[in-house]
Amino acid sequence: MSEVIHALARRDVSFGPEDIAVLAAGLESALTNLHIKNRNDPATTAVAKLIIQLARDGECDPTRLATRAIEIVRGSS
């Protein structure tokens, strides 16, 4: 699981352990699809923040989180 999502999501008390696992799965899927291998890359943090915002907006499925994040990063709405 991604340490980035854990560090960012832990700051938000609305996310429990199960939620963080969903966020981490969505993040890992998005990063793999975007070919971002370096988990210390600032792009990783940007995608993680995007995943968290999408979850705050109500999305709770890791596949849909990843898909939407990829669409936003690639500029297709």
Protein backbone atom coordinates (compact mmCIF):
# COMPACT_ATOMS: atom_id res chain seq x y z
CA MET A 1 0.00 0.00 0.00
CA SER A 2 1.06 3.52 -0.68
CA GLU A 3 2.62 5.43 2.18
CA VAL A 4 1.67 8.67 0.44
CA ILE A 5 -2.06 8.02 0.69
CA HIS A 6 -1.70 6.89 4.30
CA ALA A 7 0.15 10.05 5.27
CA LEU A 8 -2.32 12.35 3.52
CA ALA A 9 -5.52 10.52 4.48
CA ARG A 10 -4.58 10.19 8.14
CA ARG A 11 -4.84 13.96 8.40
CA ASP A 12 -8.52 13.69 7.51
CA VAL A 13 -10.53 12.21 10.38
CA SER A 14 -13.40 11.29 8.04
CA PHE A 15 -11.38 8.38 6.62
CA GLY A 16 -11.19 5.14 8.58
CA PRO A 17 -8.80 2.23 7.93
CA GLU A 18 -11.13 0.62 5.38
CA ASP A 19 -11.50 3.91 3.52
CA ILE A 20 -7.73 4.37 3.42
CA ALA A 21 -7.35 0.88 1.97
CA VAL A 22 -9.80 1.83 -0.82
CA LEU A 23 -7.92 5.07 -1.46
CA ALA A 24 -4.60 3.24 -1.57
CA ALA A 25 -5.97 0.69 -4.04
CA GLY A 26 -7.30 3.46 -6.27
CA LEU A 27 -4.01 5.32 -6.08
CA GLU A 28 -1.91 2.29 -6.92
CA SER A 29 -4.13 1.51 -9.89
CA ALA A 30 -3.97 5.09 -11.17
CA LEU A 31 -0.20 5.29 -10.75
CA THR A 32 0.30 2.01 -12.59
CA ASN A 33 -1.91 3.17 -15.45
CA LEU A 34 -0.11 6.52 -15.60
CA HIS A 35 3.28 4.73 -15.57
CA ILE A 36 4.42 6.59 -12.44
CA LYS A 37 6.86 4.22 -10.78
CA ASN A 38 8.65 6.52 -8.35
CA ARG A 39 6.43 6.80 -5.29
CA ASN A 40 8.52 9.79 -4.13
CA ASP A 41 7.72 11.71 -7.32
CA PRO A 42 5.67 14.88 -6.75
CA ALA A 43 3.24 13.51 -9.35
CA THR A 44 2.45 10.69 -6.91
CA THR A 45 1.47 13.20 -4.25
CA ALA A 46 -0.63 15.15 -6.75
CA VAL A 47 -2.54 12.03 -7.81
CA ALA A 48 -2.98 11.00 -4.16
CA LYS A 49 -4.49 14.40 -3.31
CA LEU A 50 -6.79 14.08 -6.30
CA ILE A 51 -7.91 10.59 -5.17
CA ILE A 52 -8.61 11.94 -1.69
CA GLN A 53 -10.65 14.83 -3.08
CA LEU A 54 -12.67 12.49 -5.26
CA ALA A 55 -13.38 10.37 -2.18
CA ARG A 56 -14.41 13.46 -0.21
CA ASP A 57 -16.81 14.22 -3.06
CA GLY A 58 -18.44 10.84 -2.50
CA GLU A 59 -16.67 8.27 -4.69
CA CYS A 60 -15.86 5.12 -2.74
CA ASP A 61 -14.99 2.56 -5.42
CA PRO A 62 -11.24 2.14 -6.04
CA THR A 63 -11.69 1.42 -9.75
CA ARG A 64 -13.83 4.51 -10.29
CA LEU A 65 -11.44 6.60 -8.18
CA ALA A 66 -8.53 5.50 -10.36
CA THR A 67 -10.43 5.96 -13.61
CA ARG A 68 -11.61 9.45 -12.73
CA ALA A 69 -8.17 10.52 -11.48
CA ILE A 70 -6.58 9.27 -14.72
CA GLU A 71 -9.15 11.17 -16.78
CA ILE A 72 -8.46 14.38 -14.86
CA VAL A 73 -4.68 14.01 -15.11
CA ARG A 74 -4.87 13.33 -18.83
CA GLY A 75 -7.25 16.24 -19.32
CA SER A 76 -10.32 14.34 -20.48
CA SER A 77 -13.42 15.10 -18.48
